Amino acid sequence: MSGAGAPTLLPDGAGLRVAVVRASWHEEVMAGLTDGARRGLADCGVTDVVDVAVPGSFELPVAAARLAASGVDAVVALGVVVRGGTPHFDYVCAGATTGLVEVSTRTGVPVGFGLLTCDTLAQALDRAGLPGSAEDKGHEAAVAAVASAVALRGLPYPAGSGQALAPV
């Protein structure tokens, strides 16, 4: 499992405003990821949460960009892409991943990466944080986003990011 060697994080995110942007495909998996993210934010003391649903994982970056520009301290991006019989999987995964990295680096706003890219639906369910799942990637993505926002607190945003040069 990919969770081997993961750090134990539980940052104090009190006072942070965090956005959760989530895709709509694979409702059961997304319900688990979303619940995990909400638990992760609550575990970190985050109470100011903006929740946005988009059609699919390919739409995550544009929503994350808009949310980052709105002044949130962090974004948690949640989605799932299950491999099919065409190259569509590769294009969606690459586009969504690259787009989320660009949002984070261009804005200076951390993006918690909760995009599952799985070969099978069973693999996605095993990472969704549902009862019986081996991993809780929604929780991990939320806690990572908060931990990054806390670590960056007080550092200036990159020039041209559209963000004020003020602490988080």
N, C-alpha and C. Protein backbone atom coordinates (compact mmCIF):
# COMPACT_ATOMS: atom_id res chain seq x y z
N MET A 1 0.83 -1.19 0.00
CA MET A 1 0.00 0.00 0.00
C MET A 1 0.87 1.24 0.00
N SER A 2 0.36 2.30 -0.58
CA SER A 2 1.13 3.53 -0.70
C SER A 2 1.25 4.28 0.61
N GLY A 3 0.52 3.93 1.64
CA GLY A 3 0.57 4.63 2.91
C GLY A 3 1.78 4.30 3.76
N ALA A 4 2.56 3.34 3.35
CA ALA A 4 3.73 2.94 4.14
C ALA A 4 4.71 4.10 4.24
N GLY A 5 5.16 4.38 5.46
CA GLY A 5 6.13 5.43 5.68
C GLY A 5 5.54 6.83 5.80
N ALA A 6 4.23 6.95 5.79
CA ALA A 6 3.60 8.27 5.88
C ALA A 6 3.84 8.89 7.25
N PRO A 7 4.06 10.22 7.28
CA PRO A 7 4.26 10.88 8.58
C PRO A 7 2.93 10.97 9.34
N THR A 8 3.04 11.10 10.63
CA THR A 8 1.86 11.35 11.45
C THR A 8 1.72 12.85 11.59
N LEU A 9 0.68 13.41 10.99
CA LEU A 9 0.47 14.85 11.02
C LEU A 9 -0.86 15.15 11.69
N LEU A 10 -0.89 16.16 12.50
CA LEU A 10 -2.14 16.70 13.03
C LEU A 10 -1.89 18.17 13.38
N PRO A 11 -1.78 19.00 12.33
CA PRO A 11 -1.47 20.41 12.55
C PRO A 11 -2.66 21.14 13.15
N ASP A 12 -2.39 22.28 13.78
CA ASP A 12 -3.43 23.14 14.31
C ASP A 12 -3.88 24.09 13.22
N GLY A 13 -5.02 23.81 12.63
CA GLY A 13 -5.54 24.63 11.55
C GLY A 13 -6.62 25.60 11.98
N ALA A 14 -6.74 25.83 13.28
CA ALA A 14 -7.76 26.77 13.77
C ALA A 14 -7.56 28.12 13.11
N GLY A 15 -8.65 28.69 12.64
CA GLY A 15 -8.61 30.00 11.99
C GLY A 15 -8.35 29.96 10.50
N LEU A 16 -8.01 28.79 9.96
CA LEU A 16 -7.81 28.68 8.52
C LEU A 16 -9.14 28.54 7.80
N ARG A 17 -9.18 29.03 6.57
CA ARG A 17 -10.33 28.83 5.69
C ARG A 17 -9.86 27.88 4.58
N VAL A 18 -10.51 26.73 4.48
CA VAL A 18 -10.09 25.69 3.54
C VAL A 18 -11.24 25.35 2.60
N ALA A 19 -10.92 25.20 1.33
CA ALA A 19 -11.92 24.79 0.34
C ALA A 19 -11.73 23.33 0.00
N VAL A 20 -12.84 22.63 -0.15
CA VAL A 20 -12.84 21.25 -0.64
C VAL A 20 -13.53 21.26 -1.99
N VAL A 21 -12.80 20.88 -3.04
CA VAL A 21 -13.39 20.75 -4.36
C VAL A 21 -13.39 19.27 -4.71
N ARG A 22 -14.56 18.79 -5.13
CA ARG A 22 -14.71 17.35 -5.32
C ARG A 22 -15.42 17.04 -6.63
N ALA A 23 -14.95 15.98 -7.26
CA ALA A 23 -15.57 15.50 -8.49
C ALA A 23 -16.82 14.70 -8.14
N SER A 24 -17.65 14.48 -9.15
CA SER A 24 -18.93 13.81 -8.91
C SER A 24 -18.99 12.35 -9.36
N TRP A 25 -18.02 11.91 -10.16
CA TRP A 25 -18.03 10.52 -10.64
C TRP A 25 -17.77 9.55 -9.50
N HIS A 26 -18.32 8.35 -9.59
CA HIS A 26 -18.12 7.27 -8.62
C HIS A 26 -18.58 7.70 -7.23
N GLU A 27 -19.89 7.84 -7.08
CA GLU A 27 -20.49 8.42 -5.88
C GLU A 27 -20.04 7.77 -4.58
N GLU A 28 -19.94 6.45 -4.53
CA GLU A 28 -19.56 5.78 -3.29
C GLU A 28 -18.13 6.15 -2.88
N VAL A 29 -17.23 6.12 -3.84
CA VAL A 29 -15.84 6.48 -3.56
C VAL A 29 -15.77 7.94 -3.13
N MET A 30 -16.46 8.81 -3.86
CA MET A 30 -16.43 10.23 -3.54
C MET A 30 -17.04 10.52 -2.18
N ALA A 31 -18.06 9.79 -1.79
CA ALA A 31 -18.65 9.99 -0.46
C ALA A 31 -17.61 9.67 0.61
N GLY A 32 -16.86 8.59 0.42
CA GLY A 32 -15.82 8.23 1.37
C GLY A 32 -14.71 9.26 1.42
N LEU A 33 -14.24 9.70 0.25
CA LEU A 33 -13.18 10.71 0.20
C LEU A 33 -13.63 12.01 0.86
N THR A 34 -14.85 12.42 0.56
CA THR A 34 -15.37 13.68 1.11
C THR A 34 -15.53 13.59 2.62
N ASP A 35 -16.10 12.50 3.10
CA ASP A 35 -16.23 12.32 4.55
C ASP A 35 -14.86 12.31 5.22
N GLY A 36 -13.89 11.64 4.61
CA GLY A 36 -12.54 11.61 5.16
C GLY A 36 -11.93 13.00 5.22
N ALA A 37 -12.12 13.78 4.17
CA ALA A 37 -11.58 15.14 4.15
C ALA A 37 -12.23 15.99 5.24
N ARG A 38 -13.52 15.88 5.38
CA ARG A 38 -14.22 16.64 6.43
C ARG A 38 -13.74 16.25 7.82
N ARG A 39 -13.52 14.95 8.03
CA ARG A 39 -12.98 14.50 9.33
C ARG A 39 -11.58 15.02 9.55
N GLY A 40 -10.77 14.99 8.49
CA GLY A 40 -9.40 15.49 8.59
C GLY A 40 -9.37 16.97 8.95
N LEU A 41 -10.22 17.75 8.31
CA LEU A 41 -10.28 19.18 8.62
C LEU A 41 -10.74 19.40 10.05
N ALA A 42 -11.74 18.66 10.47
CA ALA A 42 -12.22 18.77 11.85
C ALA A 42 -11.14 18.36 12.84
N ASP A 43 -10.41 17.30 12.53
CA ASP A 43 -9.32 16.85 13.40
C ASP A 43 -8.26 17.94 13.57
N CYS A 44 -8.10 18.78 12.56
CA CYS A 44 -7.10 19.86 12.59
C CYS A 44 -7.68 21.16 13.15
N GLY A 45 -8.95 21.15 13.51
CA GLY A 45 -9.57 22.35 14.08
C GLY A 45 -10.07 23.35 13.05
N VAL A 46 -10.16 22.95 11.79
CA VAL A 46 -10.66 23.84 10.74
C VAL A 46 -12.18 23.81 10.77
N THR A 47 -12.78 25.00 10.92
CA THR A 47 -14.25 25.08 10.94
C THR A 47 -14.81 25.89 9.77
N ASP A 48 -13.97 26.67 9.10
CA ASP A 48 -14.40 27.49 7.96
C ASP A 48 -14.07 26.73 6.68
N VAL A 49 -15.06 26.02 6.15
CA VAL A 49 -14.86 25.14 4.99
C VAL A 49 -15.81 25.56 3.87
N VAL A 50 -15.25 25.74 2.69
CA VAL A 50 -16.02 26.00 1.48
C VAL A 50 -16.08 24.69 0.71
N ASP A 51 -17.26 24.29 0.27
CA ASP A 51 -17.44 23.00 -0.42
C ASP A 51 -17.96 23.26 -1.83
N VAL A 52 -17.25 22.74 -2.84
CA VAL A 52 -17.63 22.93 -4.23
C VAL A 52 -17.58 21.58 -4.95
N ALA A 53 -18.64 21.26 -5.68
CA ALA A 53 -18.68 20.04 -6.49
C ALA A 53 -18.53 20.42 -7.96
N VAL A 54 -17.72 19.65 -8.68
CA VAL A 54 -17.55 19.82 -10.12
C VAL A 54 -17.91 18.49 -10.79
N PRO A 55 -18.13 18.51 -12.11
CA PRO A 55 -18.56 17.27 -12.76
C PRO A 55 -17.56 16.11 -12.65
N GLY A 56 -16.30 16.36 -12.95
CA GLY A 56 -15.33 15.26 -12.94
C GLY A 56 -13.96 15.73 -12.51
N SER A 57 -13.01 14.81 -12.51
CA SER A 57 -11.66 15.11 -12.05
C SER A 57 -10.93 16.09 -12.95
N PHE A 58 -11.26 16.10 -14.23
CA PHE A 58 -10.61 17.03 -15.15
C PHE A 58 -10.94 18.48 -14.81
N GLU A 59 -12.07 18.70 -14.17
CA GLU A 59 -12.51 20.05 -13.80
C GLU A 59 -11.96 20.52 -12.45
N LEU A 60 -11.27 19.65 -11.72
CA LEU A 60 -10.73 20.03 -10.42
C LEU A 60 -9.78 21.24 -10.49
N PRO A 61 -8.84 21.29 -11.45
CA PRO A 61 -7.89 22.41 -11.45
C PRO A 61 -8.54 23.78 -11.63
N VAL A 62 -9.51 23.91 -12.50
CA VAL A 62 -10.10 25.23 -12.72
C VAL A 62 -10.85 25.68 -11.47
N ALA A 63 -11.53 24.77 -10.81
CA ALA A 63 -12.22 25.13 -9.57
C ALA A 63 -11.21 25.44 -8.47
N ALA A 64 -10.14 24.65 -8.38
CA ALA A 64 -9.11 24.90 -7.38
C ALA A 64 -8.45 26.27 -7.61
N ALA A 65 -8.24 26.63 -8.87
CA ALA A 65 -7.64 27.93 -9.18
C ALA A 65 -8.55 29.07 -8.73
N ARG A 66 -9.82 28.96 -9.02
CA ARG A 66 -10.77 30.01 -8.62
C ARG A 66 -10.83 30.11 -7.10
N LEU A 67 -10.84 28.97 -6.43
CA LEU A 67 -10.90 28.96 -4.97
C LEU A 67 -9.62 29.54 -4.37
N ALA A 68 -8.47 29.17 -4.93
CA ALA A 68 -7.20 29.70 -4.43
C ALA A 68 -7.17 31.22 -4.57
N ALA A 69 -7.70 31.73 -5.67
CA ALA A 69 -7.73 33.17 -5.90
C ALA A 69 -8.72 33.89 -5.00
N SER A 70 -9.64 33.14 -4.40
CA SER A 70 -10.67 33.75 -3.55
C SER A 70 -10.16 34.07 -2.15
N GLY A 71 -8.96 33.62 -1.83
CA GLY A 71 -8.39 33.95 -0.53
C GLY A 71 -8.41 32.83 0.49
N VAL A 72 -8.76 31.60 0.07
CA VAL A 72 -8.69 30.50 1.02
C VAL A 72 -7.23 30.21 1.36
N ASP A 73 -7.01 29.59 2.49
CA ASP A 73 -5.66 29.27 2.93
C ASP A 73 -5.14 27.98 2.33
N ALA A 74 -6.04 27.09 1.92
CA ALA A 74 -5.67 25.81 1.32
C ALA A 74 -6.87 25.27 0.56
N VAL A 75 -6.58 24.39 -0.38
CA VAL A 75 -7.61 23.70 -1.16
C VAL A 75 -7.35 22.20 -1.03
N VAL A 76 -8.42 21.44 -0.88
CA VAL A 76 -8.34 19.98 -0.90
C VAL A 76 -9.06 19.54 -2.16
N ALA A 77 -8.35 18.87 -3.07
CA ALA A 77 -8.93 18.41 -4.33
C ALA A 77 -9.18 16.91 -4.26
N LEU A 78 -10.42 16.51 -4.48
CA LEU A 78 -10.81 15.10 -4.36
C LEU A 78 -11.42 14.61 -5.67
N GLY A 79 -10.97 13.47 -6.13
CA GLY A 79 -11.54 12.88 -7.33
C GLY A 79 -11.07 11.45 -7.48
N VAL A 80 -11.62 10.77 -8.47
CA VAL A 80 -11.20 9.41 -8.76
C VAL A 80 -11.33 9.16 -10.25
N VAL A 81 -10.30 8.55 -10.80
CA VAL A 81 -10.31 8.14 -12.20
C VAL A 81 -9.94 6.66 -12.21
N VAL A 82 -10.81 5.86 -12.82
CA VAL A 82 -10.59 4.42 -12.90
C VAL A 82 -10.25 4.08 -14.35
N ARG A 83 -9.15 3.34 -14.51
CA ARG A 83 -8.66 3.00 -15.85
C ARG A 83 -9.73 2.25 -16.64
N GLY A 84 -9.86 2.63 -17.87
CA GLY A 84 -10.76 1.94 -18.79
C GLY A 84 -9.95 1.35 -19.92
N GLY A 85 -10.59 1.14 -21.05
CA GLY A 85 -9.94 0.50 -22.18
C GLY A 85 -9.36 1.46 -23.19
N THR A 86 -9.37 2.75 -22.89
CA THR A 86 -8.83 3.74 -23.83
C THR A 86 -7.81 4.63 -23.12
N PRO A 87 -7.07 5.45 -23.87
CA PRO A 87 -6.09 6.36 -23.27
C PRO A 87 -6.73 7.50 -22.48
N HIS A 88 -8.04 7.60 -22.46
CA HIS A 88 -8.74 8.66 -21.73
C HIS A 88 -8.22 8.78 -20.29
N PHE A 89 -8.00 7.66 -19.64
CA PHE A 89 -7.48 7.62 -18.26
C PHE A 89 -6.19 8.42 -18.15
N ASP A 90 -5.26 8.19 -19.07
CA ASP A 90 -3.97 8.86 -19.02
C ASP A 90 -4.11 10.37 -19.19
N TYR A 91 -4.97 10.79 -20.11
CA TYR A 91 -5.14 12.22 -20.36
C TYR A 91 -5.80 12.91 -19.17
N VAL A 92 -6.82 12.31 -18.62
CA VAL A 92 -7.50 12.92 -17.47
C VAL A 92 -6.57 12.98 -16.27
N CYS A 93 -5.89 11.90 -15.97
CA CYS A 93 -4.98 11.88 -14.82
C CYS A 93 -3.86 12.90 -14.98
N ALA A 94 -3.24 12.93 -16.15
CA ALA A 94 -2.14 13.86 -16.38
C ALA A 94 -2.63 15.31 -16.34
N GLY A 95 -3.75 15.58 -16.98
CA GLY A 95 -4.28 16.95 -17.00
C GLY A 95 -4.67 17.43 -15.62
N ALA A 96 -5.36 16.59 -14.86
CA ALA A 96 -5.79 16.99 -13.52
C ALA A 96 -4.59 17.18 -12.59
N THR A 97 -3.65 16.25 -12.65
CA THR A 97 -2.47 16.35 -11.79
C THR A 97 -1.64 17.58 -12.11
N THR A 98 -1.33 17.79 -13.38
CA THR A 98 -0.56 18.95 -13.79
C THR A 98 -1.28 20.24 -13.43
N GLY A 99 -2.57 20.27 -13.66
CA GLY A 99 -3.35 21.46 -13.35
C GLY A 99 -3.34 21.79 -11.86
N LEU A 100 -3.45 20.78 -11.01
CA LEU A 100 -3.45 21.03 -9.56
C LEU A 100 -2.08 21.50 -9.08
N VAL A 101 -1.02 20.93 -9.65
CA VAL A 101 0.33 21.39 -9.31
C VAL A 101 0.50 22.85 -9.73
N GLU A 102 0.02 23.21 -10.90
CA GLU A 102 0.14 24.59 -11.37
C GLU A 102 -0.62 25.54 -10.46
N VAL A 103 -1.80 25.16 -10.02
CA VAL A 103 -2.57 26.02 -9.11
C VAL A 103 -1.75 26.30 -7.86
N SER A 104 -1.21 25.27 -7.28
CA SER A 104 -0.45 25.42 -6.04
C SER A 104 0.79 26.27 -6.23
N THR A 105 1.55 25.99 -7.27
CA THR A 105 2.80 26.73 -7.45
C THR A 105 2.58 28.16 -7.93
N ARG A 106 1.56 28.39 -8.72
CA ARG A 106 1.30 29.75 -9.22
C ARG A 106 0.70 30.66 -8.15
N THR A 107 -0.10 30.10 -7.27
CA THR A 107 -0.80 30.93 -6.28
C THR A 107 -0.13 30.93 -4.92
N GLY A 108 0.67 29.92 -4.63
CA GLY A 108 1.23 29.79 -3.30
C GLY A 108 0.25 29.22 -2.29
N VAL A 109 -0.91 28.80 -2.76
CA VAL A 109 -1.93 28.20 -1.90
C VAL A 109 -1.78 26.68 -1.99
N PRO A 110 -1.55 26.01 -0.86
CA PRO A 110 -1.40 24.55 -0.90
C PRO A 110 -2.64 23.85 -1.43
N VAL A 111 -2.41 22.81 -2.21
CA VAL A 111 -3.50 21.97 -2.71
C VAL A 111 -3.26 20.55 -2.22
N GLY A 112 -4.13 20.06 -1.37
CA GLY A 112 -4.06 18.67 -0.92
C GLY A 112 -4.52 17.77 -2.04
N PHE A 113 -3.68 16.81 -2.40
CA PHE A 113 -3.92 15.95 -3.57
C PHE A 113 -4.68 14.70 -3.16
N GLY A 114 -5.98 14.72 -3.38
CA GLY A 114 -6.83 13.58 -3.07
C GLY A 114 -7.45 13.00 -4.33
N LEU A 115 -6.67 12.95 -5.41
CA LEU A 115 -7.12 12.38 -6.68
C LEU A 115 -6.64 10.94 -6.76
N LEU A 116 -7.56 10.01 -6.69
CA LEU A 116 -7.23 8.60 -6.83
C LEU A 116 -7.13 8.26 -8.31
N THR A 117 -6.05 7.61 -8.69
CA THR A 117 -5.85 7.15 -10.07
C THR A 117 -5.64 5.64 -9.99
N CYS A 118 -6.69 4.91 -10.23
CA CYS A 118 -6.69 3.47 -9.93
C CYS A 118 -6.96 2.64 -11.18
N ASP A 119 -6.45 1.43 -11.14
CA ASP A 119 -6.71 0.49 -12.24
C ASP A 119 -8.11 -0.10 -12.16
N THR A 120 -8.63 -0.24 -10.94
CA THR A 120 -9.95 -0.86 -10.76
C THR A 120 -10.76 -0.08 -9.74
N LEU A 121 -12.06 -0.26 -9.81
CA LEU A 121 -12.94 0.34 -8.81
C LEU A 121 -12.64 -0.22 -7.43
N ALA A 122 -12.28 -1.49 -7.33
CA ALA A 122 -11.94 -2.09 -6.04
C ALA A 122 -10.75 -1.37 -5.39
N GLN A 123 -9.75 -1.00 -6.19
CA GLN A 123 -8.61 -0.24 -5.65
C GLN A 123 -9.07 1.11 -5.12
N ALA A 124 -9.95 1.76 -5.84
CA ALA A 124 -10.47 3.06 -5.40
C ALA A 124 -11.24 2.92 -4.09
N LEU A 125 -12.08 1.92 -4.00
CA LEU A 125 -12.85 1.70 -2.77
C LEU A 125 -11.92 1.41 -1.59
N ASP A 126 -10.81 0.75 -1.84
CA ASP A 126 -9.87 0.40 -0.77
C ASP A 126 -9.09 1.63 -0.28
N ARG A 127 -9.14 2.73 -1.01
CA ARG A 127 -8.43 3.95 -0.62
C ARG A 127 -9.38 5.07 -0.20
N ALA A 128 -10.68 4.81 -0.25
CA ALA A 128 -11.70 5.85 -0.08
C ALA A 128 -12.06 6.15 1.37
N GLY A 129 -11.52 5.42 2.33
CA GLY A 129 -11.85 5.69 3.72
C GLY A 129 -13.20 5.17 4.15
N LEU A 130 -13.73 4.25 3.40
CA LEU A 130 -15.02 3.63 3.74
C LEU A 130 -14.79 2.52 4.76
N PRO A 131 -15.83 2.08 5.45
CA PRO A 131 -15.64 0.92 6.34
C PRO A 131 -15.01 -0.24 5.58
N GLY A 132 -13.92 -0.77 6.10
CA GLY A 132 -13.21 -1.86 5.45
C GLY A 132 -12.12 -1.42 4.50
N SER A 133 -12.02 -0.11 4.20
CA SER A 133 -10.96 0.40 3.33
C SER A 133 -9.62 0.32 4.05
N ALA A 134 -8.57 0.07 3.30
CA ALA A 134 -7.22 0.02 3.87
C ALA A 134 -6.65 1.42 4.11
N GLU A 135 -7.11 2.40 3.34
CA GLU A 135 -6.58 3.76 3.44
C GLU A 135 -7.71 4.78 3.41
N ASP A 136 -7.38 5.99 3.85
CA ASP A 136 -8.34 7.09 3.90
C ASP A 136 -7.69 8.31 3.23
N LYS A 137 -7.66 8.29 1.91
CA LYS A 137 -6.94 9.32 1.16
C LYS A 137 -7.59 10.70 1.26
N GLY A 138 -8.89 10.78 1.50
CA GLY A 138 -9.53 12.08 1.71
C GLY A 138 -9.01 12.74 2.97
N HIS A 139 -8.92 11.96 4.04
CA HIS A 139 -8.39 12.46 5.31
C HIS A 139 -6.94 12.89 5.12
N GLU A 140 -6.13 12.05 4.47
CA GLU A 140 -4.72 12.38 4.25
C GLU A 140 -4.55 13.66 3.45
N ALA A 141 -5.35 13.84 2.40
CA ALA A 141 -5.24 15.04 1.57
C ALA A 141 -5.60 16.29 2.35
N ALA A 142 -6.62 16.21 3.18
CA ALA A 142 -7.04 17.37 3.97
C ALA A 142 -5.98 17.74 5.00
N VAL A 143 -5.47 16.75 5.70
CA VAL A 143 -4.45 17.03 6.72
C VAL A 143 -3.18 17.57 6.07
N ALA A 144 -2.80 17.03 4.91
CA ALA A 144 -1.61 17.53 4.21
C ALA A 144 -1.80 18.98 3.78
N ALA A 145 -2.98 19.33 3.30
CA ALA A 145 -3.25 20.71 2.89
C ALA A 145 -3.14 21.66 4.08
N VAL A 146 -3.71 21.27 5.21
CA VAL A 146 -3.65 22.10 6.41
C VAL A 146 -2.20 22.21 6.91
N ALA A 147 -1.50 21.08 6.94
CA ALA A 147 -0.10 21.09 7.40
C ALA A 147 0.75 22.01 6.52
N SER A 148 0.50 21.99 5.21
CA SER A 148 1.25 22.86 4.30
C SER A 148 0.91 24.32 4.54
N ALA A 149 -0.37 24.62 4.73
CA ALA A 149 -0.78 26.01 5.00
C ALA A 149 -0.13 26.52 6.29
N VAL A 150 -0.09 25.67 7.31
CA VAL A 150 0.54 26.05 8.57
C VAL A 150 2.04 26.26 8.37
N ALA A 151 2.68 25.38 7.63
CA ALA A 151 4.12 25.49 7.39
C ALA A 151 4.47 26.76 6.62
N LEU A 152 3.56 27.19 5.74
CA LEU A 152 3.81 28.37 4.91
C LEU A 152 3.36 29.67 5.58
N ARG A 153 2.69 29.54 6.72
CA ARG A 153 2.17 30.71 7.42
C ARG A 153 3.30 31.73 7.63
N GLY A 154 3.04 32.96 7.24
CA GLY A 154 4.02 34.01 7.43
C GLY A 154 4.97 34.20 6.27
N LEU A 155 5.02 33.26 5.35
CA LEU A 155 5.87 33.43 4.17
C LEU A 155 5.12 34.22 3.12
N PRO A 156 5.80 35.05 2.33
CA PRO A 156 5.10 35.83 1.30
C PRO A 156 4.65 34.93 0.15
N TYR A 157 3.59 35.36 -0.51
CA TYR A 157 3.13 34.68 -1.71
C TYR A 157 4.05 35.04 -2.87
N PRO A 158 4.11 34.21 -3.90
CA PRO A 158 4.95 34.53 -5.05
C PRO A 158 4.48 35.81 -5.75
N ALA A 159 5.42 36.57 -6.28
CA ALA A 159 5.07 37.77 -7.05
C ALA A 159 4.19 37.38 -8.21
N GLY A 160 3.16 38.16 -8.47
CA GLY A 160 2.26 37.89 -9.58
C GLY A 160 1.21 36.86 -9.30
N SER A 161 1.11 36.39 -8.08
CA SER A 161 0.13 35.35 -7.78
C SER A 161 -1.27 35.91 -7.60
N GLY A 162 -1.36 37.22 -7.44
CA GLY A 162 -2.67 37.80 -7.18
C GLY A 162 -3.01 37.79 -5.71
N GLN A 163 -2.16 37.21 -4.89
CA GLN A 163 -2.39 37.16 -3.44
C GLN A 163 -1.65 38.31 -2.78
N ALA A 164 -2.17 38.76 -1.67
CA ALA A 164 -1.52 39.79 -0.89
C ALA A 164 -0.24 39.24 -0.28
N LEU A 165 0.76 40.06 -0.13
CA LEU A 165 2.01 39.63 0.51
C LEU A 165 1.83 39.74 2.03
N ALA A 166 1.01 38.87 2.55
CA ALA A 166 0.71 38.88 3.99
C ALA A 166 0.68 37.45 4.48
N PRO A 167 0.85 37.26 5.79
CA PRO A 167 0.79 35.90 6.32
C PRO A 167 -0.56 35.26 6.11
N VAL A 168 -0.57 33.94 6.09
CA VAL A 168 -1.81 33.18 5.94
C VAL A 168 -2.63 33.36 7.19
